[in-house]
Amino acid sequence: MLNGHCLETSGNGSEMLTDAYRRYVGDYPKFFKMDGLSRLGFIASELILQRLGEERFTPRTDRAVILFNRSGSIEADVHYQSTISDPDNFFPSPSVFVYTLPNIVTGEIAIRNKYQGETSFFVLEHEDQPTIQAMIEASFEDEGTTSVLAGWVDYTDAHHFEARMKIIIKE
């Protein structure tokens, strides 16, 4: 769904994210190296930013990216754990390890869009709107921040994920 309208996609679970990338973005090959959480956040941000219709891909310091979820980077954590659990088959992967940090998704969004403002990712026990609102409002205390790409991006596995994002503009 985007602004209350269903987007055409095919596939189930994470296949749907890949289909959405191919249909609506298609020009960021790094997508295929991302973990599920980063893919979800990346697609959600692309869809909302495309609809916003503003100039993109030019450096800007006035936009912050602030995301929240309840499960951190659990899917990547589990994957990484599987690479180090067996002492006889110990193959830790740096490319998997980097995604064991949930804030990587905010970095991917900032890199893609050349945002140089604040990027933060907060893991909360539940989707606590007053806490989320207070954290977003605090980002506007930086006089250079005029807008925030904010949202809830939770990815527990290839079949259980959700993303809700919005752009908040300083009044």
N, C-alpha and C. Protein backbone atom coordinates (compact mmCIF):
# COMPACT_ATOMS: atom_id res chain seq x y z
N MET A 1 0.84 -1.18 0.00
CA MET A 1 0.00 0.00 0.00
C MET A 1 0.89 1.25 0.00
N LEU A 2 0.52 2.22 -0.77
CA LEU A 2 1.19 3.52 -0.78
C LEU A 2 0.10 4.58 -0.82
N ASN A 3 0.05 5.38 0.23
CA ASN A 3 -0.99 6.41 0.35
C ASN A 3 -2.39 5.84 0.13
N GLY A 4 -2.63 4.65 0.69
CA GLY A 4 -3.95 4.04 0.61
C GLY A 4 -4.24 3.30 -0.68
N HIS A 5 -3.30 3.24 -1.59
CA HIS A 5 -3.50 2.55 -2.87
C HIS A 5 -2.62 1.31 -2.93
N CYS A 6 -3.18 0.21 -3.41
CA CYS A 6 -2.41 -1.02 -3.56
C CYS A 6 -1.43 -0.89 -4.71
N LEU A 7 -0.21 -1.30 -4.46
CA LEU A 7 0.80 -1.35 -5.51
C LEU A 7 0.80 -2.74 -6.11
N GLU A 8 1.00 -2.81 -7.39
CA GLU A 8 1.07 -4.11 -8.04
C GLU A 8 2.42 -4.75 -7.74
N THR A 9 2.39 -5.94 -7.19
CA THR A 9 3.59 -6.74 -6.95
C THR A 9 3.23 -8.19 -7.12
N SER A 10 4.23 -9.01 -7.26
CA SER A 10 3.99 -10.45 -7.32
C SER A 10 4.96 -11.12 -6.36
N GLY A 11 4.69 -12.37 -6.09
CA GLY A 11 5.53 -13.13 -5.18
C GLY A 11 5.04 -13.02 -3.75
N ASN A 12 5.60 -13.85 -2.91
CA ASN A 12 5.26 -13.86 -1.49
C ASN A 12 6.50 -13.58 -0.68
N GLY A 13 6.30 -13.00 0.49
CA GLY A 13 7.42 -12.76 1.38
C GLY A 13 8.48 -11.90 0.74
N SER A 14 9.74 -12.29 0.96
CA SER A 14 10.84 -11.48 0.45
C SER A 14 10.87 -11.42 -1.08
N GLU A 15 10.25 -12.38 -1.75
CA GLU A 15 10.16 -12.33 -3.22
C GLU A 15 9.38 -11.09 -3.65
N MET A 16 8.40 -10.70 -2.84
CA MET A 16 7.61 -9.51 -3.14
C MET A 16 8.49 -8.25 -3.10
N LEU A 17 9.44 -8.20 -2.15
CA LEU A 17 10.35 -7.05 -2.09
C LEU A 17 11.22 -6.97 -3.34
N THR A 18 11.72 -8.12 -3.78
CA THR A 18 12.54 -8.14 -4.99
C THR A 18 11.72 -7.71 -6.20
N ASP A 19 10.48 -8.17 -6.27
CA ASP A 19 9.61 -7.76 -7.37
C ASP A 19 9.35 -6.26 -7.31
N ALA A 20 9.08 -5.72 -6.13
CA ALA A 20 8.84 -4.28 -5.99
C ALA A 20 10.08 -3.49 -6.40
N TYR A 21 11.26 -3.98 -6.03
CA TYR A 21 12.50 -3.32 -6.44
C TYR A 21 12.58 -3.29 -7.97
N ARG A 22 12.34 -4.42 -8.61
CA ARG A 22 12.48 -4.49 -10.06
C ARG A 22 11.45 -3.62 -10.77
N ARG A 23 10.22 -3.56 -10.25
CA ARG A 23 9.15 -2.77 -10.87
C ARG A 23 9.31 -1.27 -10.65
N TYR A 24 9.69 -0.89 -9.43
CA TYR A 24 9.60 0.52 -9.05
C TYR A 24 10.93 1.23 -8.85
N VAL A 25 12.03 0.48 -8.78
CA VAL A 25 13.32 1.13 -8.56
C VAL A 25 14.28 0.69 -9.65
N GLY A 26 14.86 -0.50 -9.52
CA GLY A 26 15.64 -1.11 -10.57
C GLY A 26 17.02 -0.57 -10.87
N ASP A 27 17.44 0.51 -10.21
CA ASP A 27 18.71 1.11 -10.60
C ASP A 27 19.72 1.21 -9.45
N TYR A 28 19.66 0.29 -8.51
CA TYR A 28 20.57 0.33 -7.36
C TYR A 28 21.01 -1.11 -7.07
N PRO A 29 21.98 -1.62 -7.86
CA PRO A 29 22.37 -3.03 -7.75
C PRO A 29 22.78 -3.47 -6.34
N LYS A 30 23.19 -2.52 -5.50
CA LYS A 30 23.55 -2.85 -4.13
C LYS A 30 22.38 -3.48 -3.36
N PHE A 31 21.16 -3.28 -3.86
CA PHE A 31 19.96 -3.87 -3.25
C PHE A 31 20.13 -5.36 -3.03
N PHE A 32 20.75 -6.04 -3.97
CA PHE A 32 20.86 -7.50 -3.90
C PHE A 32 21.88 -7.98 -2.88
N LYS A 33 22.69 -7.07 -2.33
CA LYS A 33 23.63 -7.42 -1.27
C LYS A 33 23.04 -7.15 0.11
N MET A 34 21.91 -6.46 0.17
CA MET A 34 21.31 -6.06 1.43
C MET A 34 20.61 -7.22 2.14
N ASP A 35 20.50 -7.11 3.46
CA ASP A 35 19.70 -8.05 4.23
C ASP A 35 18.23 -7.67 4.07
N GLY A 36 17.35 -8.49 4.63
CA GLY A 36 15.91 -8.25 4.50
C GLY A 36 15.46 -6.92 5.08
N LEU A 37 15.95 -6.56 6.25
CA LEU A 37 15.56 -5.29 6.88
C LEU A 37 15.95 -4.11 6.00
N SER A 38 17.16 -4.13 5.48
CA SER A 38 17.60 -3.03 4.61
C SER A 38 16.82 -3.00 3.31
N ARG A 39 16.51 -4.15 2.76
CA ARG A 39 15.70 -4.19 1.53
C ARG A 39 14.33 -3.58 1.78
N LEU A 40 13.72 -3.97 2.89
CA LEU A 40 12.38 -3.46 3.22
C LEU A 40 12.41 -1.95 3.40
N GLY A 41 13.33 -1.46 4.20
CA GLY A 41 13.43 -0.02 4.42
C GLY A 41 13.76 0.74 3.15
N PHE A 42 14.65 0.17 2.35
CA PHE A 42 15.05 0.80 1.09
C PHE A 42 13.85 0.92 0.16
N ILE A 43 13.11 -0.16 -0.04
CA ILE A 43 11.93 -0.13 -0.94
C ILE A 43 10.89 0.86 -0.42
N ALA A 44 10.59 0.81 0.88
CA ALA A 44 9.59 1.72 1.45
C ALA A 44 10.02 3.17 1.24
N SER A 45 11.31 3.47 1.48
CA SER A 45 11.77 4.85 1.31
C SER A 45 11.72 5.26 -0.16
N GLU A 46 12.09 4.37 -1.05
CA GLU A 46 12.05 4.70 -2.48
C GLU A 46 10.63 5.02 -2.93
N LEU A 47 9.67 4.23 -2.50
CA LEU A 47 8.29 4.45 -2.93
C LEU A 47 7.77 5.80 -2.45
N ILE A 48 8.04 6.11 -1.20
CA ILE A 48 7.53 7.39 -0.68
C ILE A 48 8.28 8.57 -1.28
N LEU A 49 9.58 8.45 -1.45
CA LEU A 49 10.35 9.56 -2.02
C LEU A 49 10.03 9.78 -3.49
N GLN A 50 9.77 8.72 -4.24
CA GLN A 50 9.37 8.88 -5.63
C GLN A 50 8.05 9.65 -5.73
N ARG A 51 7.11 9.32 -4.85
CA ARG A 51 5.81 9.99 -4.87
C ARG A 51 5.90 11.44 -4.42
N LEU A 52 6.87 11.75 -3.59
CA LEU A 52 7.03 13.11 -3.09
C LEU A 52 7.34 14.07 -4.24
N GLY A 53 8.08 13.57 -5.23
CA GLY A 53 8.35 14.36 -6.43
C GLY A 53 9.38 15.46 -6.29
N GLU A 54 10.15 15.45 -5.20
CA GLU A 54 11.18 16.47 -5.05
C GLU A 54 12.47 16.04 -5.75
N GLU A 55 13.37 17.01 -5.94
CA GLU A 55 14.66 16.69 -6.53
C GLU A 55 15.37 15.68 -5.64
N ARG A 56 16.01 14.70 -6.25
CA ARG A 56 16.69 13.66 -5.48
C ARG A 56 18.13 13.51 -5.93
N PHE A 57 18.89 12.83 -5.11
CA PHE A 57 20.27 12.43 -5.41
C PHE A 57 21.23 13.60 -5.49
N THR A 58 20.91 14.67 -4.81
CA THR A 58 21.85 15.78 -4.65
C THR A 58 22.10 15.93 -3.15
N PRO A 59 23.31 16.21 -2.77
CA PRO A 59 23.62 16.27 -1.33
C PRO A 59 22.72 17.27 -0.59
N ARG A 60 22.24 16.82 0.57
CA ARG A 60 21.46 17.70 1.43
C ARG A 60 21.69 17.35 2.89
N THR A 61 21.81 18.36 3.70
CA THR A 61 22.09 18.17 5.12
C THR A 61 20.85 18.39 5.98
N ASP A 62 19.74 18.77 5.37
CA ASP A 62 18.55 19.16 6.13
C ASP A 62 17.55 18.03 6.36
N ARG A 63 17.80 16.84 5.85
CA ARG A 63 16.86 15.73 6.05
C ARG A 63 17.49 14.67 6.94
N ALA A 64 16.75 14.30 7.98
CA ALA A 64 17.15 13.21 8.87
C ALA A 64 16.39 11.94 8.47
N VAL A 65 16.96 10.80 8.80
CA VAL A 65 16.31 9.51 8.60
C VAL A 65 16.27 8.84 9.97
N ILE A 66 15.05 8.61 10.48
CA ILE A 66 14.89 8.02 11.81
C ILE A 66 13.89 6.88 11.71
N LEU A 67 14.38 5.68 12.01
CA LEU A 67 13.54 4.49 11.91
C LEU A 67 13.48 3.77 13.26
N PHE A 68 12.44 2.95 13.39
CA PHE A 68 12.18 2.21 14.63
C PHE A 68 11.72 0.80 14.28
N ASN A 69 11.97 -0.14 15.19
CA ASN A 69 11.33 -1.45 15.12
C ASN A 69 11.44 -2.16 16.45
N ARG A 70 10.92 -3.39 16.51
CA ARG A 70 10.97 -4.15 17.76
C ARG A 70 11.95 -5.31 17.69
N SER A 71 12.44 -5.65 16.53
CA SER A 71 13.26 -6.86 16.43
C SER A 71 14.70 -6.60 15.99
N GLY A 72 15.10 -5.34 15.94
CA GLY A 72 16.47 -5.04 15.55
C GLY A 72 16.78 -5.64 14.19
N SER A 73 17.90 -6.32 14.11
CA SER A 73 18.33 -6.96 12.86
C SER A 73 18.30 -8.48 13.02
N ILE A 74 17.27 -9.00 13.66
CA ILE A 74 17.21 -10.41 14.06
C ILE A 74 17.43 -11.38 12.90
N GLU A 75 16.89 -11.08 11.74
CA GLU A 75 17.05 -11.99 10.61
C GLU A 75 18.53 -12.12 10.23
N ALA A 76 19.24 -11.01 10.14
CA ALA A 76 20.67 -11.05 9.84
C ALA A 76 21.47 -11.65 10.99
N ASP A 77 21.04 -11.38 12.22
CA ASP A 77 21.71 -11.95 13.39
C ASP A 77 21.67 -13.47 13.36
N VAL A 78 20.49 -14.01 13.06
CA VAL A 78 20.33 -15.47 12.98
C VAL A 78 21.19 -16.04 11.86
N HIS A 79 21.19 -15.37 10.72
CA HIS A 79 22.01 -15.82 9.59
C HIS A 79 23.48 -15.82 9.96
N TYR A 80 23.94 -14.72 10.58
CA TYR A 80 25.35 -14.64 10.96
C TYR A 80 25.69 -15.72 12.00
N GLN A 81 24.81 -15.93 12.96
CA GLN A 81 25.06 -16.96 13.98
C GLN A 81 25.26 -18.33 13.34
N SER A 82 24.53 -18.59 12.27
CA SER A 82 24.68 -19.89 11.60
C SER A 82 26.06 -20.05 10.97
N THR A 83 26.76 -18.94 10.68
CA THR A 83 28.09 -19.03 10.08
C THR A 83 29.19 -19.22 11.11
N ILE A 84 28.87 -19.06 12.40
CA ILE A 84 29.90 -19.18 13.44
C ILE A 84 29.59 -20.23 14.49
N SER A 85 28.46 -20.92 14.39
CA SER A 85 28.04 -21.86 15.43
C SER A 85 28.84 -23.15 15.46
N ASP A 86 29.21 -23.65 14.33
CA ASP A 86 29.89 -24.95 14.25
C ASP A 86 31.41 -24.73 14.23
N PRO A 87 32.12 -25.13 15.30
CA PRO A 87 33.57 -24.91 15.34
C PRO A 87 34.32 -25.65 14.23
N ASP A 88 33.72 -26.72 13.68
CA ASP A 88 34.37 -27.46 12.60
C ASP A 88 34.05 -26.88 11.22
N ASN A 89 33.11 -25.97 11.19
CA ASN A 89 32.69 -25.35 9.92
C ASN A 89 32.48 -23.85 10.18
N PHE A 90 33.54 -23.20 10.63
CA PHE A 90 33.50 -21.82 11.10
C PHE A 90 33.86 -20.89 9.96
N PHE A 91 32.85 -20.24 9.37
CA PHE A 91 33.08 -19.34 8.24
C PHE A 91 32.34 -18.02 8.46
N PRO A 92 32.82 -17.18 9.39
CA PRO A 92 32.16 -15.89 9.59
C PRO A 92 32.25 -15.04 8.33
N SER A 93 31.15 -14.40 8.03
CA SER A 93 31.09 -13.62 6.80
C SER A 93 31.00 -12.12 7.12
N PRO A 94 32.01 -11.34 6.74
CA PRO A 94 31.91 -9.88 6.97
C PRO A 94 30.71 -9.26 6.26
N SER A 95 30.35 -9.79 5.09
CA SER A 95 29.22 -9.22 4.35
C SER A 95 27.90 -9.49 5.06
N VAL A 96 27.82 -10.56 5.84
CA VAL A 96 26.63 -10.82 6.65
C VAL A 96 26.73 -10.04 7.96
N PHE A 97 27.92 -10.01 8.55
CA PHE A 97 28.10 -9.35 9.84
C PHE A 97 27.69 -7.88 9.81
N VAL A 98 28.01 -7.18 8.73
CA VAL A 98 27.69 -5.75 8.66
C VAL A 98 26.20 -5.52 8.85
N TYR A 99 25.36 -6.45 8.42
CA TYR A 99 23.92 -6.28 8.52
C TYR A 99 23.37 -6.69 9.89
N THR A 100 24.24 -7.08 10.82
CA THR A 100 23.79 -7.36 12.18
C THR A 100 23.64 -6.06 12.97
N LEU A 101 23.77 -4.94 12.30
CA LEU A 101 23.54 -3.63 12.90
C LEU A 101 22.28 -3.04 12.26
N PRO A 102 21.21 -2.85 13.03
CA PRO A 102 19.96 -2.37 12.40
C PRO A 102 20.07 -0.98 11.78
N ASN A 103 21.02 -0.19 12.22
CA ASN A 103 21.13 1.16 11.65
C ASN A 103 21.70 1.15 10.23
N ILE A 104 22.12 0.01 9.73
CA ILE A 104 22.62 -0.05 8.35
C ILE A 104 21.52 0.39 7.37
N VAL A 105 20.26 0.09 7.65
CA VAL A 105 19.18 0.48 6.75
C VAL A 105 19.09 2.00 6.63
N THR A 106 19.28 2.74 7.73
CA THR A 106 19.24 4.20 7.62
C THR A 106 20.44 4.70 6.80
N GLY A 107 21.57 4.03 6.95
CA GLY A 107 22.74 4.38 6.16
C GLY A 107 22.54 4.13 4.68
N GLU A 108 21.91 3.00 4.35
CA GLU A 108 21.64 2.69 2.93
C GLU A 108 20.74 3.76 2.32
N ILE A 109 19.72 4.18 3.06
CA ILE A 109 18.80 5.21 2.57
C ILE A 109 19.55 6.54 2.39
N ALA A 110 20.37 6.89 3.38
CA ALA A 110 21.12 8.15 3.31
C ALA A 110 22.12 8.14 2.15
N ILE A 111 22.81 7.04 1.98
CA ILE A 111 23.78 6.94 0.88
C ILE A 111 23.09 7.09 -0.46
N ARG A 112 22.01 6.35 -0.65
CA ARG A 112 21.28 6.40 -1.92
C ARG A 112 20.84 7.83 -2.24
N ASN A 113 20.34 8.53 -1.22
CA ASN A 113 19.74 9.85 -1.44
C ASN A 113 20.68 11.02 -1.16
N LYS A 114 21.92 10.70 -0.78
CA LYS A 114 22.94 11.72 -0.47
C LYS A 114 22.52 12.61 0.68
N TYR A 115 21.81 12.02 1.65
CA TYR A 115 21.44 12.76 2.87
C TYR A 115 22.64 12.78 3.79
N GLN A 116 22.93 13.93 4.32
CA GLN A 116 24.05 14.08 5.23
C GLN A 116 23.59 14.53 6.61
N GLY A 117 22.28 14.47 6.86
CA GLY A 117 21.73 14.81 8.17
C GLY A 117 21.78 13.61 9.10
N GLU A 118 21.11 13.73 10.22
CA GLU A 118 21.08 12.68 11.23
C GLU A 118 20.47 11.39 10.67
N THR A 119 21.07 10.27 11.04
CA THR A 119 20.45 8.97 10.77
C THR A 119 20.46 8.20 12.08
N SER A 120 19.30 7.67 12.45
CA SER A 120 19.18 6.95 13.70
C SER A 120 18.21 5.79 13.54
N PHE A 121 18.51 4.71 14.26
CA PHE A 121 17.62 3.56 14.29
C PHE A 121 17.44 3.17 15.74
N PHE A 122 16.19 3.11 16.18
CA PHE A 122 15.89 2.79 17.57
C PHE A 122 15.09 1.50 17.66
N VAL A 123 15.50 0.62 18.56
CA VAL A 123 14.78 -0.62 18.80
C VAL A 123 13.97 -0.44 20.08
N LEU A 124 12.66 -0.59 19.95
CA LEU A 124 11.73 -0.40 21.06
C LEU A 124 11.01 -1.72 21.36
N GLU A 125 10.54 -1.88 22.58
CA GLU A 125 9.80 -3.11 22.94
C GLU A 125 8.53 -3.25 22.13
N HIS A 126 7.88 -2.13 21.83
CA HIS A 126 6.66 -2.13 21.03
C HIS A 126 6.55 -0.78 20.34
N GLU A 127 5.63 -0.67 19.44
CA GLU A 127 5.45 0.56 18.68
C GLU A 127 4.77 1.61 19.57
N ASP A 128 5.56 2.30 20.33
CA ASP A 128 5.11 3.28 21.32
C ASP A 128 5.07 4.66 20.67
N GLN A 129 3.90 5.08 20.21
CA GLN A 129 3.78 6.33 19.45
C GLN A 129 4.25 7.57 20.21
N PRO A 130 3.93 7.72 21.51
CA PRO A 130 4.45 8.91 22.20
C PRO A 130 5.99 8.96 22.22
N THR A 131 6.63 7.83 22.43
CA THR A 131 8.10 7.80 22.42
C THR A 131 8.64 8.10 21.03
N ILE A 132 8.04 7.50 20.03
CA ILE A 132 8.46 7.73 18.65
C ILE A 132 8.29 9.21 18.30
N GLN A 133 7.15 9.78 18.63
CA GLN A 133 6.90 11.20 18.33
C GLN A 133 7.92 12.09 19.03
N ALA A 134 8.22 11.79 20.29
CA ALA A 134 9.20 12.60 21.04
C ALA A 134 10.58 12.53 20.40
N MET A 135 10.98 11.35 19.93
CA MET A 135 12.30 11.20 19.31
C MET A 135 12.36 11.94 17.98
N ILE A 136 11.29 11.91 17.24
CA ILE A 136 11.25 12.64 15.97
C ILE A 136 11.30 14.14 16.23
N GLU A 137 10.50 14.61 17.19
CA GLU A 137 10.50 16.03 17.53
C GLU A 137 11.89 16.48 17.99
N ALA A 138 12.59 15.63 18.74
CA ALA A 138 13.93 15.99 19.21
C ALA A 138 14.89 16.21 18.05
N SER A 139 14.68 15.51 16.94
CA SER A 139 15.58 15.69 15.80
C SER A 139 15.46 17.10 15.21
N PHE A 140 14.31 17.74 15.39
CA PHE A 140 14.13 19.09 14.88
C PHE A 140 14.80 20.15 15.77
N GLU A 141 15.34 19.74 16.90
CA GLU A 141 16.09 20.67 17.73
C GLU A 141 17.39 21.09 17.04
N ASP A 142 17.86 20.26 16.12
CA ASP A 142 18.99 20.64 15.28
C ASP A 142 18.44 21.64 14.26
N GLU A 143 18.91 22.86 14.31
CA GLU A 143 18.38 23.91 13.44
C GLU A 143 18.53 23.59 11.96
N GLY A 144 19.49 22.72 11.62
CA GLY A 144 19.70 22.38 10.23
C GLY A 144 18.71 21.36 9.69
N THR A 145 17.96 20.71 10.56
CA THR A 145 17.00 19.69 10.13
C THR A 145 15.67 20.34 9.81
N THR A 146 15.23 20.21 8.56
CA THR A 146 13.94 20.75 8.14
C THR A 146 12.91 19.68 7.84
N SER A 147 13.37 18.43 7.68
CA SER A 147 12.43 17.33 7.43
C SER A 147 13.04 16.02 7.90
N VAL A 148 12.15 15.08 8.17
CA VAL A 148 12.57 13.76 8.65
C VAL A 148 11.83 12.69 7.85
N LEU A 149 12.58 11.73 7.35
CA LEU A 149 12.00 10.52 6.80
C LEU A 149 11.95 9.56 7.98
N ALA A 150 10.75 9.26 8.45
CA ALA A 150 10.61 8.47 9.68
C ALA A 150 9.68 7.30 9.44
N GLY A 151 9.87 6.25 10.25
CA GLY A 151 8.95 5.14 10.13
C GLY A 151 9.29 3.94 10.97
N TRP A 152 8.38 3.00 10.91
CA TRP A 152 8.48 1.71 11.58
C TRP A 152 8.82 0.69 10.50
N VAL A 153 9.97 0.04 10.65
CA VAL A 153 10.45 -0.93 9.66
C VAL A 153 10.89 -2.17 10.43
N ASP A 154 10.07 -3.19 10.42
CA ASP A 154 10.35 -4.39 11.21
C ASP A 154 10.39 -5.61 10.28
N TYR A 155 11.45 -6.38 10.37
CA TYR A 155 11.66 -7.55 9.51
C TYR A 155 12.19 -8.68 10.38
N THR A 156 11.32 -9.64 10.70
CA THR A 156 11.78 -10.76 11.53
C THR A 156 12.25 -11.93 10.68
N ASP A 157 11.63 -12.12 9.53
CA ASP A 157 12.08 -13.14 8.59
C ASP A 157 11.42 -12.89 7.24
N ALA A 158 11.70 -13.76 6.29
CA ALA A 158 11.27 -13.54 4.90
C ALA A 158 9.75 -13.49 4.72
N HIS A 159 8.99 -13.89 5.73
CA HIS A 159 7.53 -13.89 5.61
C HIS A 159 6.84 -13.01 6.65
N HIS A 160 7.60 -12.36 7.51
CA HIS A 160 7.03 -11.53 8.56
C HIS A 160 7.76 -10.18 8.60
N PHE A 161 7.15 -9.19 7.97
CA PHE A 161 7.74 -7.86 7.93
C PHE A 161 6.67 -6.82 7.70
N GLU A 162 6.99 -5.59 8.10
CA GLU A 162 6.09 -4.48 7.87
C GLU A 162 6.88 -3.18 7.83
N ALA A 163 6.39 -2.24 7.05
CA ALA A 163 7.03 -0.93 6.96
C ALA A 163 5.96 0.13 6.79
N ARG A 164 6.10 1.18 7.57
CA ARG A 164 5.25 2.36 7.45
C ARG A 164 6.17 3.57 7.57
N MET A 165 6.20 4.39 6.55
CA MET A 165 7.08 5.56 6.54
C MET A 165 6.31 6.81 6.16
N LYS A 166 6.87 7.93 6.59
CA LYS A 166 6.30 9.22 6.21
C LYS A 166 7.41 10.27 6.24
N ILE A 167 7.15 11.37 5.56
CA ILE A 167 8.03 12.53 5.59
C ILE A 167 7.35 13.54 6.52
N ILE A 168 8.11 14.02 7.49
CA ILE A 168 7.60 15.04 8.41
C ILE A 168 8.41 16.30 8.14
N ILE A 169 7.71 17.41 7.89
CA ILE A 169 8.37 18.67 7.57
C ILE A 169 8.21 19.63 8.74
N LYS A 170 9.29 20.27 9.07
CA LYS A 170 9.31 21.23 10.19
C LYS A 170 8.34 22.37 9.90
N GLU A 171 7.58 22.70 10.91
CA GLU A 171 6.60 23.79 10.75
C GLU A 171 7.23 25.13 10.98
